[in-house]
Amino acid sequence: MAKELSHIDEAGKASMVDVSNKKSTVRTAIASGKVLFPTDVFKTLAAQDFLGHKGSIIQTAVIAGIQAVKKTAELIPLCHQINLSKIQIDITPIEGALQIRCKVKCNEQTGVEMEALTGVSVSALTIYDMCKALSHDIKISEIQLEQKTGGQHDFNR
């Protein structure tokens, strides 16, 4: 069975997938990513409990990520608007970085992978924005889908 791009029609044009015949099921997706800091910047931020002049870096990034998840269909042209049941974003300090994990859940005809990836991406961009005054040598990396359940094909990294 050959795989095909789902958002390209027979004429090669962009097309939103028709999910009208799909069954609504509980679907989840988990995405992750990292924001890597220069050593001195990370030590400074950790010593300040990740509080900056603009407020809590971590809590601001969590809120931004949640807002982004809810706006995914407005940002990614071929995503469906879906009713979300749960959004959970966790941001954890690790060695020289902040680890971001976003879990999204719905009961719909299509999955929430793009929502989870968008949540991680915007959380990471928010962290960068809040910390760039300390250094522009901050890297956003390893944004990826970790898991999805509830559709035709489950996935676990």
N, C-alpha and C. Protein backbone atom coordinates (compact mmCIF):
# COMPACT_ATOMS: atom_id res chain seq x y z
N MET A 1 0.84 -1.18 0.00
CA MET A 1 0.00 0.00 0.00
C MET A 1 0.88 1.24 0.00
N ALA A 2 0.79 2.04 -1.04
CA ALA A 2 1.58 3.25 -1.15
C ALA A 2 0.91 4.38 -0.38
N LYS A 3 1.72 5.14 0.33
CA LYS A 3 1.19 6.29 1.06
C LYS A 3 1.09 7.48 0.12
N GLU A 4 0.08 8.30 0.34
CA GLU A 4 -0.11 9.50 -0.47
C GLU A 4 -0.30 10.69 0.44
N LEU A 5 0.02 11.87 -0.07
CA LEU A 5 -0.22 13.10 0.68
C LEU A 5 -1.73 13.33 0.77
N SER A 6 -2.22 13.54 1.95
CA SER A 6 -3.66 13.65 2.16
C SER A 6 -4.24 15.03 1.81
N HIS A 7 -3.39 16.04 1.72
CA HIS A 7 -3.88 17.39 1.47
C HIS A 7 -3.65 17.86 0.03
N ILE A 8 -3.38 16.91 -0.86
CA ILE A 8 -3.20 17.22 -2.28
C ILE A 8 -4.23 16.40 -3.06
N ASP A 9 -5.04 17.08 -3.89
CA ASP A 9 -6.05 16.34 -4.66
C ASP A 9 -5.45 15.74 -5.93
N GLU A 10 -6.30 15.08 -6.72
CA GLU A 10 -5.84 14.40 -7.94
C GLU A 10 -5.19 15.36 -8.93
N ALA A 11 -5.58 16.62 -8.91
CA ALA A 11 -5.03 17.63 -9.83
C ALA A 11 -3.77 18.29 -9.27
N GLY A 12 -3.35 17.86 -8.08
CA GLY A 12 -2.14 18.44 -7.48
C GLY A 12 -2.38 19.73 -6.73
N LYS A 13 -3.63 20.02 -6.43
CA LYS A 13 -3.96 21.26 -5.72
C LYS A 13 -4.17 20.99 -4.24
N ALA A 14 -3.90 22.01 -3.44
CA ALA A 14 -4.13 21.91 -1.99
C ALA A 14 -5.61 21.67 -1.73
N SER A 15 -5.90 20.77 -0.80
CA SER A 15 -7.29 20.40 -0.52
C SER A 15 -7.44 19.99 0.94
N MET A 16 -8.48 20.50 1.59
CA MET A 16 -8.77 20.07 2.95
C MET A 16 -9.37 18.67 2.89
N VAL A 17 -8.91 17.79 3.76
CA VAL A 17 -9.39 16.41 3.81
C VAL A 17 -10.86 16.41 4.23
N ASP A 18 -11.67 15.62 3.54
CA ASP A 18 -13.08 15.47 3.89
C ASP A 18 -13.19 14.41 4.99
N VAL A 19 -13.57 14.84 6.19
CA VAL A 19 -13.69 13.91 7.32
C VAL A 19 -15.14 13.59 7.65
N SER A 20 -16.06 13.99 6.78
CA SER A 20 -17.49 13.84 7.08
C SER A 20 -17.92 12.39 7.28
N ASN A 21 -17.23 11.44 6.67
CA ASN A 21 -17.60 10.03 6.83
C ASN A 21 -16.82 9.33 7.94
N LYS A 22 -15.94 10.05 8.59
CA LYS A 22 -15.16 9.44 9.68
C LYS A 22 -15.97 9.45 10.97
N LYS A 23 -15.73 8.46 11.79
CA LYS A 23 -16.39 8.35 13.08
C LYS A 23 -15.66 9.24 14.10
N SER A 24 -16.43 9.92 14.93
CA SER A 24 -15.83 10.68 16.03
C SER A 24 -15.32 9.71 17.08
N THR A 25 -14.07 9.87 17.46
CA THR A 25 -13.47 9.05 18.51
C THR A 25 -12.62 9.96 19.39
N VAL A 26 -12.30 9.47 20.58
CA VAL A 26 -11.39 10.21 21.45
C VAL A 26 -10.01 10.12 20.83
N ARG A 27 -9.40 11.27 20.62
CA ARG A 27 -8.09 11.34 19.98
C ARG A 27 -7.16 12.17 20.85
N THR A 28 -5.93 11.74 20.94
CA THR A 28 -4.94 12.49 21.71
C THR A 28 -3.67 12.62 20.88
N ALA A 29 -2.91 13.64 21.20
CA ALA A 29 -1.59 13.80 20.61
C ALA A 29 -0.69 14.44 21.65
N ILE A 30 0.56 14.01 21.66
CA ILE A 30 1.58 14.59 22.53
C ILE A 30 2.76 15.00 21.65
N ALA A 31 3.19 16.24 21.81
CA ALA A 31 4.36 16.75 21.09
C ALA A 31 5.35 17.28 22.12
N SER A 32 6.60 17.37 21.71
CA SER A 32 7.63 17.90 22.61
C SER A 32 8.62 18.75 21.84
N GLY A 33 9.41 19.49 22.59
CA GLY A 33 10.47 20.30 22.01
C GLY A 33 11.33 20.86 23.12
N LYS A 34 12.43 21.51 22.74
CA LYS A 34 13.35 22.07 23.71
C LYS A 34 13.75 23.48 23.31
N VAL A 35 14.03 24.29 24.32
CA VAL A 35 14.66 25.58 24.12
C VAL A 35 16.01 25.50 24.83
N LEU A 36 17.08 25.58 24.04
CA LEU A 36 18.45 25.43 24.55
C LEU A 36 19.08 26.80 24.77
N PHE A 37 19.73 26.97 25.91
CA PHE A 37 20.32 28.25 26.29
C PHE A 37 21.84 28.13 26.41
N PRO A 38 22.56 29.24 26.17
CA PRO A 38 23.97 29.27 26.54
C PRO A 38 24.06 29.02 28.06
N THR A 39 25.13 28.38 28.50
CA THR A 39 25.27 27.98 29.90
C THR A 39 25.06 29.13 30.87
N ASP A 40 25.69 30.27 30.62
CA ASP A 40 25.58 31.41 31.54
C ASP A 40 24.15 31.95 31.60
N VAL A 41 23.46 31.95 30.48
CA VAL A 41 22.07 32.43 30.44
C VAL A 41 21.17 31.49 31.22
N PHE A 42 21.34 30.18 31.01
CA PHE A 42 20.52 29.21 31.74
C PHE A 42 20.75 29.34 33.25
N LYS A 43 22.00 29.50 33.67
CA LYS A 43 22.28 29.64 35.10
C LYS A 43 21.63 30.89 35.66
N THR A 44 21.66 31.98 34.92
CA THR A 44 21.02 33.23 35.35
C THR A 44 19.51 33.03 35.50
N LEU A 45 18.90 32.43 34.50
CA LEU A 45 17.44 32.21 34.53
C LEU A 45 17.05 31.27 35.67
N ALA A 46 17.80 30.19 35.84
CA ALA A 46 17.50 29.23 36.91
C ALA A 46 17.65 29.89 38.28
N ALA A 47 18.66 30.73 38.44
CA ALA A 47 18.87 31.42 39.72
C ALA A 47 17.72 32.38 40.04
N GLN A 48 17.06 32.86 38.99
CA GLN A 48 15.91 33.76 39.16
C GLN A 48 14.58 33.00 39.12
N ASP A 49 14.65 31.67 39.20
CA ASP A 49 13.47 30.81 39.14
C ASP A 49 12.65 31.07 37.87
N PHE A 50 13.35 31.38 36.77
CA PHE A 50 12.76 31.64 35.47
C PHE A 50 11.73 32.77 35.51
N LEU A 51 12.03 33.76 36.33
CA LEU A 51 11.22 34.97 36.38
C LEU A 51 12.00 36.09 35.72
N GLY A 52 11.39 36.76 34.78
CA GLY A 52 12.03 37.86 34.08
C GLY A 52 11.32 39.16 34.35
N HIS A 53 11.78 40.20 33.67
CA HIS A 53 11.15 41.52 33.83
C HIS A 53 9.71 41.52 33.31
N LYS A 54 9.41 40.58 32.41
CA LYS A 54 8.06 40.48 31.85
C LYS A 54 7.19 39.52 32.63
N GLY A 55 7.70 38.94 33.72
CA GLY A 55 6.93 38.00 34.53
C GLY A 55 7.48 36.59 34.45
N SER A 56 6.66 35.62 34.81
CA SER A 56 7.08 34.21 34.80
C SER A 56 7.25 33.73 33.36
N ILE A 57 8.46 33.38 33.02
CA ILE A 57 8.75 32.91 31.67
C ILE A 57 7.98 31.63 31.39
N ILE A 58 8.00 30.70 32.31
CA ILE A 58 7.35 29.41 32.09
C ILE A 58 5.83 29.55 32.02
N GLN A 59 5.22 30.27 32.95
CA GLN A 59 3.76 30.39 32.94
C GLN A 59 3.26 31.19 31.75
N THR A 60 4.02 32.20 31.33
CA THR A 60 3.63 32.96 30.14
C THR A 60 3.69 32.06 28.91
N ALA A 61 4.71 31.23 28.82
CA ALA A 61 4.83 30.31 27.68
C ALA A 61 3.72 29.26 27.68
N VAL A 62 3.33 28.80 28.86
CA VAL A 62 2.22 27.83 28.95
C VAL A 62 0.93 28.48 28.42
N ILE A 63 0.64 29.68 28.86
CA ILE A 63 -0.58 30.36 28.42
C ILE A 63 -0.54 30.62 26.92
N ALA A 64 0.60 31.07 26.41
CA ALA A 64 0.74 31.32 24.97
C ALA A 64 0.52 30.03 24.18
N GLY A 65 1.08 28.93 24.67
CA GLY A 65 0.91 27.65 23.99
C GLY A 65 -0.53 27.20 23.97
N ILE A 66 -1.23 27.38 25.07
CA ILE A 66 -2.65 27.01 25.13
C ILE A 66 -3.46 27.86 24.14
N GLN A 67 -3.19 29.16 24.11
CA GLN A 67 -3.88 30.02 23.14
C GLN A 67 -3.60 29.57 21.71
N ALA A 68 -2.37 29.21 21.43
CA ALA A 68 -2.00 28.79 20.08
C ALA A 68 -2.70 27.50 19.68
N VAL A 69 -2.78 26.54 20.61
CA VAL A 69 -3.48 25.29 20.32
C VAL A 69 -4.91 25.61 19.85
N LYS A 70 -5.56 26.52 20.55
CA LYS A 70 -6.94 26.87 20.22
C LYS A 70 -7.06 27.59 18.87
N LYS A 71 -5.98 28.15 18.37
CA LYS A 71 -6.00 28.91 17.11
C LYS A 71 -5.34 28.14 15.95
N THR A 72 -5.03 26.88 16.13
CA THR A 72 -4.30 26.13 15.10
C THR A 72 -4.97 26.20 13.74
N ALA A 73 -6.28 26.03 13.68
CA ALA A 73 -6.98 26.04 12.39
C ALA A 73 -6.86 27.40 11.69
N GLU A 74 -6.63 28.46 12.44
CA GLU A 74 -6.43 29.78 11.83
C GLU A 74 -5.01 29.96 11.32
N LEU A 75 -4.07 29.20 11.88
CA LEU A 75 -2.66 29.35 11.52
C LEU A 75 -2.21 28.39 10.42
N ILE A 76 -2.74 27.17 10.43
CA ILE A 76 -2.36 26.14 9.47
C ILE A 76 -3.53 26.00 8.49
N PRO A 77 -3.36 26.40 7.25
CA PRO A 77 -4.49 26.56 6.33
C PRO A 77 -5.41 25.36 6.15
N LEU A 78 -4.89 24.14 6.17
CA LEU A 78 -5.75 22.99 5.86
C LEU A 78 -6.17 22.20 7.09
N CYS A 79 -5.94 22.75 8.28
CA CYS A 79 -6.40 22.09 9.51
C CYS A 79 -7.88 22.35 9.72
N HIS A 80 -8.56 21.35 10.27
CA HIS A 80 -9.97 21.50 10.60
C HIS A 80 -10.13 22.23 11.93
N GLN A 81 -11.20 22.98 12.05
CA GLN A 81 -11.56 23.54 13.36
C GLN A 81 -12.20 22.41 14.15
N ILE A 82 -11.68 22.18 15.35
CA ILE A 82 -12.22 21.09 16.15
C ILE A 82 -12.46 21.57 17.57
N ASN A 83 -13.38 20.88 18.23
CA ASN A 83 -13.65 21.17 19.63
C ASN A 83 -12.65 20.39 20.49
N LEU A 84 -11.91 21.11 21.28
CA LEU A 84 -10.88 20.50 22.10
C LEU A 84 -11.44 20.16 23.47
N SER A 85 -11.03 19.02 24.01
CA SER A 85 -11.46 18.60 25.33
C SER A 85 -10.46 18.95 26.41
N LYS A 86 -9.16 18.93 26.07
CA LYS A 86 -8.12 19.13 27.08
C LYS A 86 -6.85 19.60 26.40
N ILE A 87 -6.19 20.56 27.03
CA ILE A 87 -4.85 21.00 26.62
C ILE A 87 -4.00 21.03 27.88
N GLN A 88 -2.87 20.37 27.83
CA GLN A 88 -1.94 20.40 28.96
C GLN A 88 -0.54 20.67 28.43
N ILE A 89 0.07 21.74 28.91
CA ILE A 89 1.44 22.07 28.54
C ILE A 89 2.29 22.07 29.80
N ASP A 90 3.36 21.29 29.76
CA ASP A 90 4.32 21.24 30.86
C ASP A 90 5.67 21.72 30.35
N ILE A 91 6.29 22.61 31.09
CA ILE A 91 7.62 23.11 30.75
C ILE A 91 8.52 22.86 31.95
N THR A 92 9.59 22.09 31.71
CA THR A 92 10.45 21.62 32.78
C THR A 92 11.90 21.99 32.50
N PRO A 93 12.58 22.60 33.48
CA PRO A 93 14.02 22.84 33.30
C PRO A 93 14.78 21.51 33.30
N ILE A 94 15.66 21.35 32.32
CA ILE A 94 16.59 20.22 32.26
C ILE A 94 17.98 20.83 32.05
N GLU A 95 18.98 20.02 31.91
CA GLU A 95 20.36 20.49 31.76
C GLU A 95 20.49 21.51 30.62
N GLY A 96 20.58 22.80 30.95
CA GLY A 96 20.81 23.85 29.96
C GLY A 96 19.65 24.16 29.04
N ALA A 97 18.45 23.67 29.38
CA ALA A 97 17.32 23.84 28.47
C ALA A 97 15.99 23.82 29.22
N LEU A 98 14.96 24.24 28.53
CA LEU A 98 13.59 24.04 28.99
C LEU A 98 12.95 23.03 28.06
N GLN A 99 12.44 21.95 28.63
CA GLN A 99 11.76 20.88 27.89
C GLN A 99 10.26 21.21 27.88
N ILE A 100 9.67 21.20 26.70
CA ILE A 100 8.24 21.51 26.54
C ILE A 100 7.52 20.25 26.11
N ARG A 101 6.36 20.01 26.73
CA ARG A 101 5.52 18.86 26.37
C ARG A 101 4.08 19.35 26.32
N CYS A 102 3.41 19.07 25.21
CA CYS A 102 2.02 19.51 25.03
C CYS A 102 1.16 18.30 24.69
N LYS A 103 0.12 18.10 25.49
CA LYS A 103 -0.85 17.03 25.24
C LYS A 103 -2.19 17.66 24.93
N VAL A 104 -2.80 17.20 23.85
CA VAL A 104 -4.09 17.72 23.42
C VAL A 104 -5.04 16.54 23.23
N LYS A 105 -6.30 16.76 23.61
CA LYS A 105 -7.30 15.70 23.53
C LYS A 105 -8.60 16.27 22.96
N CYS A 106 -9.29 15.44 22.16
CA CYS A 106 -10.59 15.83 21.63
C CYS A 106 -11.43 14.57 21.40
N ASN A 107 -12.69 14.76 21.08
CA ASN A 107 -13.57 13.68 20.63
C ASN A 107 -14.13 14.14 19.30
N GLU A 108 -13.40 13.83 18.23
CA GLU A 108 -13.69 14.40 16.91
C GLU A 108 -13.46 13.39 15.80
N GLN A 109 -13.64 13.86 14.56
CA GLN A 109 -13.46 13.04 13.37
C GLN A 109 -12.03 13.12 12.83
N THR A 110 -11.21 13.96 13.41
CA THR A 110 -9.83 14.12 12.98
C THR A 110 -8.95 14.37 14.20
N GLY A 111 -7.66 14.12 14.05
CA GLY A 111 -6.75 14.17 15.18
C GLY A 111 -6.23 15.54 15.53
N VAL A 112 -5.39 15.57 16.54
CA VAL A 112 -4.90 16.83 17.11
C VAL A 112 -3.37 16.94 17.09
N GLU A 113 -2.73 16.26 16.14
CA GLU A 113 -1.27 16.34 16.06
C GLU A 113 -0.81 17.77 15.82
N MET A 114 -1.44 18.45 14.87
CA MET A 114 -1.01 19.81 14.55
C MET A 114 -1.23 20.76 15.72
N GLU A 115 -2.29 20.52 16.48
CA GLU A 115 -2.54 21.35 17.67
C GLU A 115 -1.43 21.17 18.69
N ALA A 116 -1.04 19.93 18.94
CA ALA A 116 0.03 19.67 19.92
C ALA A 116 1.35 20.27 19.45
N LEU A 117 1.67 20.12 18.18
CA LEU A 117 2.91 20.68 17.64
C LEU A 117 2.89 22.22 17.67
N THR A 118 1.73 22.80 17.41
CA THR A 118 1.59 24.26 17.47
C THR A 118 1.77 24.75 18.90
N GLY A 119 1.21 24.03 19.87
CA GLY A 119 1.37 24.42 21.27
C GLY A 119 2.82 24.45 21.70
N VAL A 120 3.58 23.43 21.30
CA VAL A 120 5.01 23.38 21.63
C VAL A 120 5.74 24.53 20.94
N SER A 121 5.45 24.73 19.67
CA SER A 121 6.16 25.75 18.88
C SER A 121 5.95 27.15 19.45
N VAL A 122 4.73 27.50 19.76
CA VAL A 122 4.45 28.85 20.26
C VAL A 122 4.96 29.01 21.69
N SER A 123 4.91 27.96 22.49
CA SER A 123 5.52 28.03 23.82
C SER A 123 7.01 28.32 23.70
N ALA A 124 7.68 27.62 22.79
CA ALA A 124 9.11 27.82 22.58
C ALA A 124 9.41 29.24 22.08
N LEU A 125 8.62 29.72 21.14
CA LEU A 125 8.82 31.08 20.63
C LEU A 125 8.60 32.12 21.73
N THR A 126 7.67 31.87 22.61
CA THR A 126 7.41 32.79 23.73
C THR A 126 8.60 32.82 24.68
N ILE A 127 9.16 31.66 24.96
CA ILE A 127 10.36 31.61 25.81
C ILE A 127 11.49 32.40 25.15
N TYR A 128 11.69 32.18 23.86
CA TYR A 128 12.73 32.93 23.15
C TYR A 128 12.48 34.44 23.28
N ASP A 129 11.26 34.86 23.03
CA ASP A 129 10.92 36.28 23.10
C ASP A 129 11.22 36.86 24.47
N MET A 130 10.89 36.12 25.51
CA MET A 130 11.07 36.64 26.87
C MET A 130 12.53 36.63 27.31
N CYS A 131 13.38 35.84 26.64
CA CYS A 131 14.78 35.69 27.06
C CYS A 131 15.79 36.29 26.10
N LYS A 132 15.36 36.77 24.96
CA LYS A 132 16.31 37.24 23.94
C LYS A 132 17.13 38.44 24.38
N ALA A 133 16.68 39.19 25.38
CA ALA A 133 17.48 40.31 25.88
C ALA A 133 18.78 39.83 26.52
N LEU A 134 18.78 38.58 26.99
CA LEU A 134 19.99 38.02 27.60
C LEU A 134 20.94 37.44 26.56
N SER A 135 20.39 36.92 25.45
CA SER A 135 21.21 36.34 24.39
C SER A 135 20.34 36.01 23.19
N HIS A 136 20.91 36.18 22.01
CA HIS A 136 20.23 35.72 20.80
C HIS A 136 20.70 34.32 20.41
N ASP A 137 21.61 33.77 21.19
CA ASP A 137 22.13 32.43 20.93
C ASP A 137 21.30 31.38 21.68
N ILE A 138 19.99 31.51 21.56
CA ILE A 138 19.03 30.57 22.13
C ILE A 138 18.51 29.73 20.97
N LYS A 139 18.45 28.43 21.14
CA LYS A 139 18.03 27.54 20.05
C LYS A 139 16.74 26.82 20.41
N ILE A 140 15.86 26.78 19.46
CA ILE A 140 14.63 25.99 19.57
C ILE A 140 14.89 24.71 18.78
N SER A 141 14.70 23.55 19.43
CA SER A 141 15.06 22.32 18.73
C SER A 141 14.13 21.16 19.07
N GLU A 142 14.25 20.13 18.26
CA GLU A 142 13.61 18.84 18.48
C GLU A 142 12.11 18.90 18.66
N ILE A 143 11.44 19.80 17.96
CA ILE A 143 9.98 19.81 18.01
C ILE A 143 9.49 18.61 17.20
N GLN A 144 8.75 17.74 17.87
CA GLN A 144 8.33 16.51 17.21
C GLN A 144 7.08 15.92 17.86
N LEU A 145 6.37 15.13 17.09
CA LEU A 145 5.24 14.36 17.61
C LEU A 145 5.79 13.18 18.38
N GLU A 146 5.33 12.99 19.58
CA GLU A 146 5.75 11.84 20.40
C GLU A 146 4.74 10.70 20.33
N GLN A 147 3.45 11.06 20.28
CA GLN A 147 2.42 10.04 20.33
C GLN A 147 1.12 10.58 19.77
N LYS A 148 0.35 9.73 19.13
CA LYS A 148 -1.03 10.06 18.75
C LYS A 148 -1.87 8.81 18.86
N THR A 149 -3.09 8.97 19.31
CA THR A 149 -4.01 7.85 19.45
C THR A 149 -5.39 8.24 18.96
N GLY A 150 -6.18 7.23 18.59
CA GLY A 150 -7.59 7.43 18.32
C GLY A 150 -8.00 7.50 16.88
N GLY A 151 -7.08 7.57 15.96
CA GLY A 151 -7.44 7.59 14.54
C GLY A 151 -7.23 6.23 13.92
N GLN A 152 -7.05 6.22 12.60
CA GLN A 152 -6.80 4.96 11.91
C GLN A 152 -5.47 4.34 12.31
N HIS A 153 -4.50 5.19 12.59
CA HIS A 153 -3.16 4.69 12.92
C HIS A 153 -2.64 5.38 14.17
N ASP A 154 -2.37 4.63 15.21
CA ASP A 154 -1.73 5.19 16.40
C ASP A 154 -0.24 5.32 16.11
N PHE A 155 0.42 6.20 16.86
CA PHE A 155 1.86 6.42 16.69
C PHE A 155 2.51 6.61 18.04
N ASN A 156 3.64 5.98 18.24
CA ASN A 156 4.47 6.17 19.43
C ASN A 156 5.92 6.28 18.99
N ARG A 157 6.57 7.36 19.37
CA ARG A 157 7.99 7.51 19.03
C ARG A 157 8.82 6.62 19.91
